Protein backbone atom coordinates (compact mmCIF):
# COMPACT_ATOMS: atom_id res chain seq x y z
CA MET A 1 -24.68 -10.23 0.17
CA LYS A 2 -22.56 -10.92 3.75
CA THR A 3 -24.64 -12.92 6.14
CA ASP A 4 -24.41 -11.85 9.81
CA ARG A 5 -22.15 -15.29 10.66
CA ARG A 6 -18.77 -14.97 10.72
CA THR A 7 -17.24 -17.87 10.14
CA VAL A 8 -13.42 -17.04 10.78
CA ALA A 9 -11.56 -13.96 11.78
CA VAL A 10 -7.81 -13.93 12.16
CA ALA A 11 -5.81 -11.86 14.18
CA THR A 12 -3.34 -9.10 13.50
CA LEU A 13 -0.43 -11.97 12.01
CA VAL A 14 2.97 -9.88 12.32
CA GLY A 15 4.10 -10.14 9.06
CA ALA A 16 8.07 -10.11 9.96
CA LEU A 17 7.35 -13.27 11.39
CA GLY A 18 6.72 -14.78 8.15
CA LEU A 19 5.05 -18.11 7.45
CA SER A 20 7.57 -20.08 8.90
CA VAL A 21 6.02 -19.22 12.36
CA LEU A 22 2.24 -20.16 11.92
CA ASN A 23 3.32 -23.87 10.13
CA ALA A 24 4.07 -23.21 6.77
CA PRO A 25 3.47 -25.51 4.39
CA THR A 26 6.14 -26.02 1.74
CA ALA A 27 5.11 -25.42 -2.06
CA GLN A 28 5.36 -29.79 -3.41
CA ALA A 29 2.74 -29.77 0.39
CA ALA A 30 -0.48 -32.14 -0.93
CA ASP A 31 -3.11 -30.76 -2.53
CA THR A 32 -5.86 -28.91 0.17
CA GLY A 33 -8.90 -28.96 -2.20
CA ILE A 34 -9.04 -25.19 -1.46
CA THR A 35 -9.92 -23.40 -3.96
CA VAL A 36 -8.74 -18.77 -3.46
CA SER A 37 -10.50 -16.89 -5.91
CA ASP A 38 -11.51 -13.17 -6.97
CA ILE A 39 -7.96 -12.27 -4.79
CA VAL A 40 -8.65 -7.45 -4.72
CA ILE A 41 -5.52 -6.09 -3.22
CA ASN A 42 -5.39 -2.57 -2.07
CA ASN A 43 -8.40 -1.37 -4.62
CA GLY A 44 -6.47 -2.21 -7.64
CA LYS A 45 -4.40 0.61 -6.66
CA PRO A 46 -0.33 0.70 -5.89
CA ILE A 47 1.09 0.59 -1.91
CA VAL A 48 2.68 3.95 -1.04
CA ALA A 49 4.52 3.72 2.31
CA GLY A 50 6.55 5.80 4.68
CA THR A 51 9.52 5.43 6.74
CA SER A 52 7.64 4.94 10.38
CA LYS A 53 3.69 4.70 9.60
CA GLU A 54 2.65 1.15 9.03
CA VAL A 55 0.23 0.83 6.61
CA GLU A 56 -2.69 -1.56 5.96
CA PRO A 57 -4.07 -1.55 2.54
CA PRO A 58 -7.43 -3.59 1.79
CA ILE A 59 -7.51 -6.93 0.85
CA SER A 60 -10.58 -8.71 -0.36
CA PHE A 61 -11.16 -13.06 -1.28
CA ASN A 62 -13.20 -15.56 -1.70
CA ILE A 63 -12.78 -19.36 -0.18
CA ALA A 64 -14.27 -22.61 -1.44
CA LEU A 65 -13.56 -25.28 0.43
CA PRO A 66 -13.35 -29.15 0.02
CA SER A 67 -15.55 -32.38 0.50
CA GLY A 68 -15.79 -32.65 3.98
CA TYR A 69 -15.20 -28.86 5.56
CA SER A 70 -17.82 -26.97 6.43
CA THR A 71 -17.81 -23.43 6.80
CA ALA A 72 -19.87 -23.65 10.04
CA ASN A 73 -16.38 -24.78 11.62
CA PRO A 74 -14.10 -22.82 10.57
CA SER A 75 -10.80 -24.26 13.04
CA ARG A 76 -10.31 -26.72 10.72
CA TYR A 77 -9.40 -24.31 7.29
CA ASP A 78 -6.84 -21.85 7.39
CA ALA A 79 -6.38 -19.82 3.72
CA TYR A 80 -5.09 -16.24 3.19
CA PRO A 81 -3.10 -14.41 0.26
CA PHE A 82 -0.12 -12.94 0.65
CA LEU A 83 3.03 -10.81 -0.87
CA TYR A 84 6.26 -11.84 -1.71
CA ARG A 85 9.10 -11.10 -3.76
CA GLY A 86 12.16 -13.98 -5.05
CA SER A 87 11.65 -17.72 -4.18
CA ILE A 88 7.56 -18.30 -2.72
CA LYS A 89 9.06 -20.64 0.09
CA THR A 90 12.35 -18.55 1.11
CA ALA A 91 9.76 -16.29 1.57
CA ALA A 92 7.21 -18.54 3.19
CA ASP A 93 10.49 -19.90 5.29
CA THR A 94 12.25 -16.25 6.51
CA GLY A 95 10.07 -13.88 6.44
CA GLU A 96 11.89 -11.79 4.08
CA ASN A 97 10.40 -10.41 1.42
CA PHE A 98 7.16 -11.51 2.84
CA ILE A 99 3.59 -8.93 3.65
CA GLY A 100 1.15 -10.80 4.95
CA PRO A 101 -2.47 -9.92 6.60
CA GLY A 102 -2.64 -7.72 9.95
CA GLY A 103 -6.54 -9.49 9.74
CA TYR A 104 -9.29 -10.58 7.75
CA THR A 105 -12.94 -11.69 8.49
CA CYS A 106 -14.65 -14.57 6.71
CA TYR A 107 -18.91 -14.17 6.88
CA GLU A 108 -20.60 -17.38 5.08
CA ILE A 109 -22.14 -17.76 1.92
CA ASP A 110 -23.44 -21.11 2.36
CA SER A 111 -21.78 -24.61 4.20
CA LYS A 112 -18.42 -24.70 1.31
CA HIS A 113 -18.25 -20.75 -0.24
CA ALA A 114 -17.40 -18.16 2.73
CA ARG A 115 -15.78 -13.77 1.21
CA CYS A 116 -13.08 -12.57 3.16
CA GLU A 117 -12.34 -9.05 3.68
CA GLY A 118 -9.28 -7.73 5.68
CA ASN A 119 -6.16 -6.32 5.31
CA LEU A 120 -2.78 -6.87 4.50
CA TYR A 121 0.26 -4.71 7.26
CA ILE A 122 3.22 -3.40 6.41
CA ASP A 123 5.58 -2.20 8.83
CA PRO A 124 8.82 0.60 7.80
CA HIS A 125 9.93 -0.23 11.11
CA PRO A 126 13.29 -0.94 10.95
CA SER A 127 12.60 -4.31 13.16
CA GLN A 128 10.86 -5.34 10.37
CA ASP A 129 11.84 -6.97 6.78
CA HIS A 130 9.15 -5.75 5.37
CA VAL A 131 10.46 -2.78 3.30
CA ASP A 132 13.94 -2.21 4.24
CA SER A 133 15.25 -1.79 1.24
CA ASN A 134 14.85 1.00 -2.11
CA SER A 135 14.73 -1.67 -4.25
CA ASP A 136 11.71 -3.11 -2.22
CA ALA A 137 9.67 -0.47 -4.52
CA THR A 138 8.81 -2.70 -7.28
CA THR A 139 5.92 -5.00 -8.36
CA TRP A 140 5.19 -7.77 -5.81
CA LYS A 141 3.83 -11.48 -6.43
CA VAL A 142 0.83 -12.42 -5.08
CA GLY A 143 1.13 -16.31 -3.10
CA VAL A 144 -2.16 -17.93 -1.55
CA SER A 145 -1.54 -19.84 2.16
CA LEU A 146 -3.80 -23.38 2.33
CA ARG A 147 -3.35 -25.23 5.00
CA LEU A 148 -7.02 -28.05 6.01
CA TRP A 149 -6.66 -29.31 9.96
CA LYS A 150 -7.42 -32.55 11.08
CA ALA A 151 -10.12 -32.99 14.59
CA ASP A 152 -7.50 -33.17 17.03
CA GLY A 153 -5.98 -29.56 15.95
CA GLY A 154 -2.82 -31.45 13.57
CA LEU A 155 -2.00 -30.51 10.09
CA LYS A 156 -3.11 -32.64 7.88
CA THR A 157 -2.59 -30.62 4.84
CA GLY A 158 -1.15 -27.54 3.19
CA GLU A 159 -0.04 -25.58 -0.25
CA LEU A 160 1.45 -22.41 -1.14
CA GLU A 161 -0.15 -21.22 -4.50
CA THR A 162 1.45 -18.57 -6.70
CA ARG A 163 -1.35 -16.84 -8.40
CA SER A 164 -0.61 -14.77 -11.36
CA THR A 165 -1.65 -11.35 -9.72
CA THR A 166 0.47 -8.92 -8.57
CA ALA A 167 1.28 -5.67 -6.78
CA GLN A 168 2.75 -2.10 -6.82
CA LEU A 169 4.84 -1.89 -3.86
CA LYS A 170 5.57 2.19 -3.80
CA ARG A 171 7.86 4.76 -1.96
CA ALA A 172 6.08 7.89 -0.16
CA ALA A 173 6.60 11.05 -0.88
CA LYS A 174 6.31 14.76 0.22
CA ALA A 175 5.99 17.86 -0.94
CA THR A 176 5.93 21.64 0.69
CA ALA A 177 4.85 25.19 -0.77
CA ASN A 178 5.14 28.20 0.32
CA ALA A 179 4.04 31.69 -1.62
CA SER A 180 5.22 35.17 -0.85
CA PRO A 181 5.02 37.59 -0.87
CA GLU A 182 1.63 37.65 1.32
CA PRO A 183 0.30 40.19 0.35
CA VAL A 184 0.80 41.30 -2.66
CA THR A 185 -0.26 43.94 -4.85
CA LYS A 186 -1.99 42.68 -8.49
CA GLY A 187 -0.43 42.97 -11.25
CA LYS A 188 2.98 42.41 -9.23
CA SER A 189 5.43 38.73 -9.02
CA ILE A 190 4.83 36.01 -6.33
CA THR A 191 7.59 33.86 -6.08
CA VAL A 192 6.51 29.99 -5.42
CA THR A 193 9.07 27.78 -3.93
CA GLY A 194 8.80 24.29 -2.36
CA LYS A 195 10.51 20.78 -1.61
CA LEU A 196 10.55 17.04 -3.36
CA THR A 197 11.43 14.09 -1.30
CA ARG A 198 10.84 10.82 -0.56
CA ALA A 199 11.31 8.18 1.62
CA ASN A 200 14.43 6.40 1.45
CA TRP A 201 13.76 2.49 2.94
CA SER A 202 17.61 2.16 3.90
CA THR A 203 18.57 5.30 5.77
CA LYS A 204 14.36 5.54 7.46
CA LYS A 205 13.96 9.16 5.72
CA TYR A 206 13.13 11.55 3.39
CA ASP A 207 15.34 12.24 0.73
CA ALA A 208 15.75 15.24 -1.77
CA TYR A 209 14.72 13.72 -5.10
CA SER A 210 15.94 15.57 -7.80
CA GLY A 211 15.02 15.77 -11.72
CA ARG A 212 11.42 15.38 -11.11
CA THR A 213 8.91 17.79 -13.29
CA VAL A 214 6.21 18.95 -11.21
CA SER A 215 3.27 20.93 -11.36
CA LEU A 216 1.97 24.23 -9.70
CA GLN A 217 -1.82 24.61 -9.42
CA PHE A 218 -3.74 27.41 -8.20
CA ARG A 219 -7.13 27.91 -6.92
CA ALA A 220 -8.56 31.15 -7.02
CA LYS A 221 -11.11 31.90 -4.30
CA GLY A 222 -13.96 30.99 -4.16
CA ALA A 223 -13.72 28.36 -6.85
CA ASP A 224 -13.76 24.59 -6.72
CA THR A 225 -11.20 23.17 -8.52
CA PHE A 226 -7.07 23.76 -9.07
CA LYS A 227 -5.69 23.80 -11.84
CA THR A 228 -1.66 23.49 -13.59
CA VAL A 229 -0.53 27.38 -14.30
CA LYS A 230 3.00 26.58 -14.35
CA LYS A 231 5.77 23.38 -14.60
CA ALA A 232 8.77 23.30 -12.66
CA THR A 233 12.10 20.52 -12.55
CA THR A 234 13.47 19.96 -9.01
CA SER A 235 17.32 20.82 -8.27
CA SER A 236 20.08 18.57 -6.85
CA THR A 237 18.49 19.26 -3.49
CA GLY A 238 14.66 18.65 -4.13
CA GLY A 239 13.94 22.45 -4.41
CA LEU A 240 11.33 24.30 -6.51
CA LYS A 241 11.44 27.98 -7.45
CA VAL A 242 8.49 29.85 -10.33
CA THR A 243 7.18 33.10 -9.98
CA VAL A 244 3.41 34.18 -11.78
CA THR A 245 1.84 37.44 -12.10
CA ALA A 246 -0.79 38.66 -9.23
CA SER A 247 -3.84 38.58 -10.42
CA VAL A 248 -7.39 37.59 -8.18
CA ASP A 249 -6.49 35.82 -4.32
CA GLY A 250 -6.46 32.15 -4.10
CA SER A 251 -4.10 29.22 -3.14
CA TYR A 252 -1.05 27.51 -4.58
CA ARG A 253 0.38 24.27 -4.28
CA TRP A 254 2.72 22.16 -6.23
CA VAL A 255 1.70 18.29 -7.01
CA TYR A 256 3.98 15.65 -8.41
CA SER A 257 2.39 12.62 -10.37
CA GLY A 258 4.28 9.72 -8.74
CA ASN A 259 6.32 7.52 -11.67
CA SER A 260 6.70 3.69 -11.08
CA THR A 261 9.23 3.43 -7.67
CA THR A 262 7.52 5.81 -6.08
CA GLY A 263 4.16 8.09 -4.69
CA VAL A 264 2.14 10.78 -5.87
CA ALA A 265 2.78 14.55 -3.95
CA THR A 266 0.44 17.28 -2.90
CA SER A 267 2.15 20.05 -0.91
CA ALA A 268 -0.74 22.01 2.08
CA ALA A 269 -2.35 24.64 -0.05
CA ASP A 270 -0.69 28.36 0.05
CA TYR A 271 -3.26 31.11 0.14
CA VAL A 272 -2.13 34.18 -0.50
CA ASP A 273 -4.47 37.58 -0.60
CA VAL A 274 -3.99 39.85 -3.90
CA ARG A 275 -4.43 43.49 -3.16
């Protein structure tokens, strides 16, 4: 349970600057004695990013402090998880292949322990190094930055730790749908078209996503849920097209379930009046 006492709040940290801007320790630095545990990133779900919108997946973790340090004095210690690819030291030194916290707040449990909650920060903008290649759509490692500060404000010691925990980063996908004719005579054919695209992190555009199996779903007027009625494979241009028989009023949509590199996509529903 959170207490009313907030022990440390970290303002927005621009991930592209990397840990080096924050005086990052090396992986071989002396043990700080700080323990960071129970790290949960994005509630255990994959992180999906597009081409322009900033993404702030939630993160939570626990901190335990060594002898001589107390949650009552948060300026004396610093600890937080981050995502990286490749070498943890290279990511820390350069900020490349590094995704850090946007901000987090820690709440005192007792004088040695705190519970922290906040978010990571991913900016697809070309000026950032967060997701600048489609190869970034993969499994990222989790690292932890730990530092202890002297009473005069100088750095006493720091270290970078690796974790077995990982996080999956995926490219966002989009789907569209159009059902026609509208309205339609009962028993006649309805043609449902659409398109599937996904984020290209190299160009910052959405490209056609071909060869993908996508489900056409229908929800009858007054019903609560959509049901899959057909499946189709996207063309070389990402196009989708099927025909169905008009029976009752309702809405059609396309749903792509995603894969290891690409997120789920659900189009807006298109309503058809059957007469």
